[in-house]
PDB file of N, CA and C in Angstrom:
ATOM      1  N   MET A   1     -18.213 -35.195 -16.422  1.00  0.00           N
ATOM      2  CA  MET A   1     -18.387 -34.380 -15.275  1.00  0.00           C
ATOM      3  C   MET A   1     -17.014 -33.949 -14.747  1.00  0.00           C
ATOM      4  N   ARG A   2     -15.962 -34.875 -14.823  1.00  0.00           N
ATOM      5  CA  ARG A   2     -14.671 -34.579 -14.396  1.00  0.00           C
ATOM      6  C   ARG A   2     -14.007 -33.434 -15.117  1.00  0.00           C
ATOM      7  N   VAL A   3     -14.397 -33.378 -16.452  1.00  0.00           N
ATOM      8  CA  VAL A   3     -13.854 -32.369 -17.330  1.00  0.00           C
ATOM      9  C   VAL A   3     -14.354 -31.025 -16.809  1.00  0.00           C
ATOM     10  N   ILE A   4     -15.572 -30.996 -16.462  1.00  0.00           N
ATOM     11  CA  ILE A   4     -16.168 -29.637 -15.947  1.00  0.00           C
ATOM     12  C   ILE A   4     -15.407 -29.250 -14.651  1.00  0.00           C
ATOM     13  N   TYR A   5     -15.273 -30.196 -13.699  1.00  0.00           N
ATOM     14  CA  TYR A   5     -14.597 -29.889 -12.507  1.00  0.00           C
ATOM     15  C   TYR A   5     -13.209 -29.501 -12.649  1.00  0.00           C
ATOM     16  N   ALA A   6     -12.520 -30.169 -13.641  1.00  0.00           N
ATOM     17  CA  ALA A   6     -11.133 -29.839 -13.942  1.00  0.00           C
ATOM     18  C   ALA A   6     -11.086 -28.398 -14.491  1.00  0.00           C
ATOM     19  N   PHE A   7     -11.951 -27.996 -15.373  1.00  0.00           N
ATOM     20  CA  PHE A   7     -11.973 -26.716 -15.908  1.00  0.00           C
ATOM     21  C   PHE A   7     -12.218 -25.692 -14.843  1.00  0.00           C
ATOM     22  N   LEU A   8     -13.181 -25.899 -13.930  1.00  0.00           N
ATOM     23  CA  LEU A   8     -13.457 -25.044 -12.834  1.00  0.00           C
ATOM     24  C   LEU A   8     -12.301 -24.899 -11.815  1.00  0.00           C
ATOM     25  N   ALA A   9     -11.606 -25.991 -11.677  1.00  0.00           N
ATOM     26  CA  ALA A   9     -10.483 -25.971 -10.680  1.00  0.00           C
ATOM     27  C   ALA A   9      -9.336 -25.112 -11.366  1.00  0.00           C
ATOM     28  N   VAL A  10      -9.065 -25.333 -12.595  1.00  0.00           N
ATOM     29  CA  VAL A  10      -8.010 -24.553 -13.243  1.00  0.00           C
ATOM     30  C   VAL A  10      -8.377 -23.059 -13.206  1.00  0.00           C
ATOM     31  N   ARG A  11      -9.625 -22.779 -13.547  1.00  0.00           N
ATOM     32  CA  ARG A  11     -10.069 -21.367 -13.549  1.00  0.00           C
ATOM     33  C   ARG A  11      -9.953 -20.778 -12.162  1.00  0.00           C
ATOM     34  N   MET A  12     -10.337 -21.459 -11.098  1.00  0.00           N
ATOM     35  CA  MET A  12     -10.246 -20.976  -9.753  1.00  0.00           C
ATOM     36  C   MET A  12      -8.776 -20.742  -9.357  1.00  0.00           C
ATOM     37  N   LEU A  13      -7.876 -21.653  -9.778  1.00  0.00           N
ATOM     38  CA  LEU A  13      -6.470 -21.469  -9.461  1.00  0.00           C
ATOM     39  C   LEU A  13      -5.891 -20.198 -10.225  1.00  0.00           C
ATOM     40  N   ARG A  14      -6.305 -19.994 -11.348  1.00  0.00           N
ATOM     41  CA  ARG A  14      -5.856 -18.763 -12.107  1.00  0.00           C
ATOM     42  C   ARG A  14      -6.399 -17.521 -11.451  1.00  0.00           C
ATOM     43  N   LEU A  15      -7.579 -17.536 -10.981  1.00  0.00           N
ATOM     44  CA  LEU A  15      -8.187 -16.422 -10.276  1.00  0.00           C
ATOM     45  C   LEU A  15      -7.521 -16.135  -8.955  1.00  0.00           C
ATOM     46  N   ALA A  16      -7.207 -17.251  -8.275  1.00  0.00           N
ATOM     47  CA  ALA A  16      -6.566 -17.125  -6.950  1.00  0.00           C
ATOM     48  C   ALA A  16      -5.136 -16.568  -7.179  1.00  0.00           C
ATOM     49  N   ARG A  17      -4.441 -16.956  -8.199  1.00  0.00           N
ATOM     50  CA  ARG A  17      -3.076 -16.448  -8.495  1.00  0.00           C
ATOM     51  C   ARG A  17      -3.146 -14.941  -8.808  1.00  0.00           C
ATOM     52  N   PHE A  18      -4.172 -14.534  -9.588  1.00  0.00           N
ATOM     53  CA  PHE A  18      -4.391 -13.230  -9.969  1.00  0.00           C
ATOM     54  C   PHE A  18      -4.678 -12.326  -8.703  1.00  0.00           C
ATOM     55  N   ASP A  19      -5.539 -12.816  -7.837  1.00  0.00           N
ATOM     56  CA  ASP A  19      -5.855 -12.165  -6.619  1.00  0.00           C
ATOM     57  C   ASP A  19      -4.566 -11.945  -5.650  1.00  0.00           C
ATOM     58  N   LEU A  20      -3.784 -12.996  -5.636  1.00  0.00           N
ATOM     59  CA  LEU A  20      -2.624 -12.969  -4.825  1.00  0.00           C
ATOM     60  C   LEU A  20      -1.595 -11.951  -5.387  1.00  0.00           C
ATOM     61  N   ALA A  21      -1.434 -11.906  -6.765  1.00  0.00           N
ATOM     62  CA  ALA A  21      -0.566 -10.850  -7.354  1.00  0.00           C
ATOM     63  C   ALA A  21      -1.061  -9.513  -7.140  1.00  0.00           C
ATOM     64  N   ARG A  22      -2.491  -9.316  -7.216  1.00  0.00           N
ATOM     65  CA  ARG A  22      -3.012  -8.011  -6.979  1.00  0.00           C
ATOM     66  C   ARG A  22      -2.831  -7.542  -5.529  1.00  0.00           C
ATOM     67  N   SER A  23      -3.003  -8.463  -4.631  1.00  0.00           N
ATOM     68  CA  SER A  23      -2.789  -8.206  -3.202  1.00  0.00           C
ATOM     69  C   SER A  23      -1.322  -7.751  -2.933  1.00  0.00           C
ATOM     70  N   ASP A  24      -0.333  -8.467  -3.552  1.00  0.00           N
ATOM     71  CA  ASP A  24       1.041  -8.085  -3.411  1.00  0.00           C
ATOM     72  C   ASP A  24       1.277  -6.650  -3.936  1.00  0.00           C
ATOM     73  N   MET A  25       0.656  -6.389  -5.066  1.00  0.00           N
ATOM     74  CA  MET A  25       0.879  -5.115  -5.683  1.00  0.00           C
ATOM     75  C   MET A  25       0.316  -3.973  -4.811  1.00  0.00           C
ATOM     76  N   LEU A  26      -0.887  -4.207  -4.201  1.00  0.00           N
ATOM     77  CA  LEU A  26      -1.459  -3.269  -3.303  1.00  0.00           C
ATOM     78  C   LEU A  26      -0.698  -3.051  -2.047  1.00  0.00           C
ATOM     79  N   TYR A  27      -0.153  -4.114  -1.600  1.00  0.00           N
ATOM     80  CA  TYR A  27       0.770  -4.034  -0.419  1.00  0.00           C
ATOM     81  C   TYR A  27       1.949  -3.191  -0.573  1.00  0.00           C
ATOM     82  N   ARG A  28       2.608  -3.443  -1.762  1.00  0.00           N
ATOM     83  CA  ARG A  28       3.793  -2.669  -2.072  1.00  0.00           C
ATOM     84  C   ARG A  28       3.454  -1.219  -2.328  1.00  0.00           C
ATOM     85  N   ASP A  29       2.292  -0.932  -2.974  1.00  0.00           N
ATOM     86  CA  ASP A  29       1.899   0.519  -3.203  1.00  0.00           C
ATOM     87  C   ASP A  29       1.557   1.163  -1.909  1.00  0.00           C
ATOM     88  N   GLY A  30       0.960   0.409  -0.973  1.00  0.00           N
ATOM     89  CA  GLY A  30       0.675   0.895   0.305  1.00  0.00           C
ATOM     90  C   GLY A  30       1.906   1.262   1.098  1.00  0.00           C
ATOM     91  N   ASP A  31       2.893   0.427   1.085  1.00  0.00           N
ATOM     92  CA  ASP A  31       4.185   0.703   1.724  1.00  0.00           C
ATOM     93  C   ASP A  31       4.814   1.963   1.154  1.00  0.00           C
ATOM     94  N   ALA A  32       4.708   2.149  -0.222  1.00  0.00           N
ATOM     95  CA  ALA A  32       5.329   3.325  -0.805  1.00  0.00           C
ATOM     96  C   ALA A  32       4.568   4.548  -0.400  1.00  0.00           C
ATOM     97  N   ALA A  33       3.235   4.452  -0.289  1.00  0.00           N
ATOM     98  CA  ALA A  33       2.454   5.622   0.170  1.00  0.00           C
ATOM     99  C   ALA A  33       2.833   5.997   1.592  1.00  0.00           C
ATOM    100  N   PHE A  34       2.954   5.065   2.459  1.00  0.00           N
ATOM    101  CA  PHE A  34       3.374   5.335   3.825  1.00  0.00           C
ATOM    102  C   PHE A  34       4.737   6.038   3.852  1.00  0.00           C
ATOM    103  N   ALA A  35       5.597   5.566   3.023  1.00  0.00           N
ATOM    104  CA  ALA A  35       7.020   6.107   2.969  1.00  0.00           C
ATOM    105  C   ALA A  35       6.906   7.571   2.526  1.00  0.00           C
ATOM    106  N   ARG A  36       6.139   7.853   1.512  1.00  0.00           N
ATOM    107  CA  ARG A  36       5.956   9.219   0.928  1.00  0.00           C
ATOM    108  C   ARG A  36       5.342  10.064   2.102  1.00  0.00           C
ATOM    109  N   SER A  37       4.368   9.593   2.734  1.00  0.00           N
ATOM    110  CA  SER A  37       3.724  10.377   3.887  1.00  0.00           C
ATOM    111  C   SER A  37       4.735  10.766   4.938  1.00  0.00           C
ATOM    112  N   ARG A  38       5.583   9.724   5.352  1.00  0.00           N
ATOM    113  CA  ARG A  38       6.457   9.936   6.414  1.00  0.00           C
ATOM    114  C   ARG A  38       7.467  11.037   5.871  1.00  0.00           C
ATOM    115  N   ASP A  39       7.948  10.973   4.629  1.00  0.00           N
ATOM    116  CA  ASP A  39       8.818  11.915   4.105  1.00  0.00           C
ATOM    117  C   ASP A  39       8.198  13.292   4.048  1.00  0.00           C
ATOM    118  N   ARG A  40       6.950  13.434   3.689  1.00  0.00           N
ATOM    119  CA  ARG A  40       6.268  14.717   3.696  1.00  0.00           C
ATOM    120  C   ARG A  40       6.152  15.326   5.167  1.00  0.00           C
ATOM    121  N   VAL A  41       5.923  14.457   6.099  1.00  0.00           N
ATOM    122  CA  VAL A  41       5.845  14.957   7.468  1.00  0.00           C
ATOM    123  C   VAL A  41       7.230  15.439   7.929  1.00  0.00           C
ATOM    124  N   ARG A  42       8.292  14.683   7.586  1.00  0.00           N
ATOM    125  CA  ARG A  42       9.673  15.047   7.871  1.00  0.00           C
ATOM    126  C   ARG A  42      10.005  16.360   7.282  1.00  0.00           C
ATOM    127  N   ARG A  43       9.644  16.582   5.993  1.00  0.00           N
ATOM    128  CA  ARG A  43       9.928  17.863   5.343  1.00  0.00           C
ATOM    129  C   ARG A  43       9.093  19.015   5.998  1.00  0.00           C
ATOM    130  N   ALA A  44       7.796  18.727   6.349  1.00  0.00           N
ATOM    131  CA  ALA A  44       7.016  19.765   6.947  1.00  0.00           C
ATOM    132  C   ALA A  44       7.598  20.156   8.347  1.00  0.00           C
ATOM    133  N   GLU A  45       8.104  19.190   9.090  1.00  0.00           N
ATOM    134  CA  GLU A  45       8.711  19.458  10.377  1.00  0.00           C
ATOM    135  C   GLU A  45       9.908  20.347  10.189  1.00  0.00           C
ATOM    136  N   ALA A  46      10.715  20.029   9.141  1.00  0.00           N
ATOM    137  CA  ALA A  46      11.936  20.818   8.864  1.00  0.00           C
ATOM    138  C   ALA A  46      11.544  22.225   8.482  1.00  0.00           C
ATOM    139  N   LEU A  47      10.572  22.372   7.619  1.00  0.00           N
ATOM    140  CA  LEU A  47      10.088  23.723   7.258  1.00  0.00           C
ATOM    141  C   LEU A  47       9.587  24.495   8.457  1.00  0.00           C
ATOM    142  N   ALA A  48       8.765  23.803   9.313  1.00  0.00           N
ATOM    143  CA  ALA A  48       8.327  24.483  10.518  1.00  0.00           C
ATOM    144  C   ALA A  48       9.386  24.872  11.431  1.00  0.00           C
ATOM    145  N   ALA A  49      10.429  24.098  11.544  1.00  0.00           N
ATOM    146  CA  ALA A  49      11.536  24.565  12.384  1.00  0.00           C
ATOM    147  C   ALA A  49      12.270  25.695  11.775  1.00  0.00           C
ATOM    148  N   ARG A  50      12.447  25.748  10.487  1.00  0.00           N
ATOM    149  CA  ARG A  50      13.070  26.933   9.824  1.00  0.00           C
ATOM    150  C   ARG A  50      12.250  28.190  10.057  1.00  0.00           C
ATOM    151  N   ALA A  51      10.934  28.058  10.095  1.00  0.00           N
ATOM    152  CA  ALA A  51      10.048  29.169  10.262  1.00  0.00           C
ATOM    153  C   ALA A  51       9.826  29.501  11.710  1.00  0.00           C
ATOM    154  N   GLU A  52      10.498  28.738  12.533  1.00  0.00           N
ATOM    155  CA  GLU A  52      10.396  28.882  13.999  1.00  0.00           C
ATOM    156  C   GLU A  52       8.966  28.749  14.535  1.00  0.00           C
ATOM    157  N   LEU A  53       8.218  27.780  13.880  1.00  0.00           N
ATOM    158  CA  LEU A  53       6.931  27.370  14.333  1.00  0.00           C
ATOM    159  C   LEU A  53       7.053  26.256  15.284  1.00  0.00           C
ATOM    160  N   PRO A  54       5.983  26.066  16.147  1.00  0.00           N
ATOM    161  CA  PRO A  54       5.982  24.785  16.946  1.00  0.00           C
ATOM    162  C   PRO A  54       5.898  23.593  16.145  1.00  0.00           C
ATOM    163  N   SER A  55       6.327  22.522  16.771  1.00  0.00           N
ATOM    164  CA  SER A  55       6.263  21.221  16.093  1.00  0.00           C
ATOM    165  C   SER A  55       4.867  20.870  15.608  1.00  0.00           C
ATOM    166  N   LEU A  56       4.753  20.252  14.509  1.00  0.00           N
ATOM    167  CA  LEU A  56       3.436  19.890  13.955  1.00  0.00           C
ATOM    168  C   LEU A  56       2.768  18.872  14.940  1.00  0.00           C
ATOM    169  N   VAL A  57       3.503  18.107  15.650  1.00  0.00           N
ATOM    170  CA  VAL A  57       2.929  17.111  16.513  1.00  0.00           C
ATOM    171  C   VAL A  57       2.268  17.900  17.688  1.00  0.00           C
ATOM    172  N   SER A  58       2.857  18.979  18.161  1.00  0.00           N
ATOM    173  CA  SER A  58       2.223  19.631  19.259  1.00  0.00           C
ATOM    174  C   SER A  58       0.974  20.525  18.804  1.00  0.00           C
ATOM    175  N   MET A  59       0.778  20.673  17.504  1.00  0.00           N
ATOM    176  CA  MET A  59      -0.371  21.377  17.056  1.00  0.00           C
ATOM    177  C   MET A  59      -1.638  20.611  16.971  1.00  0.00           C
ATOM    178  N   ARG A  60      -1.565  19.325  17.242  1.00  0.00           N
ATOM    179  CA  ARG A  60      -2.710  18.432  17.209  1.00  0.00           C
ATOM    180  C   ARG A  60      -3.678  18.709  18.258  1.00  0.00           C
TER     181      ARG A  60
END
């Protein structure tokens, strides 16, 4: 019976480590997506200013 519990424990630890690594990857990807979005908004604001349009924030 202990062998079965040991096998299950090892399997659960491996799954937990996999979930943790996946979570870290998604966190990093999310941060990168937010950075890209902020950069796009900054570029859009710059283009709007060059076109003498009102700020995108005031258009909401």
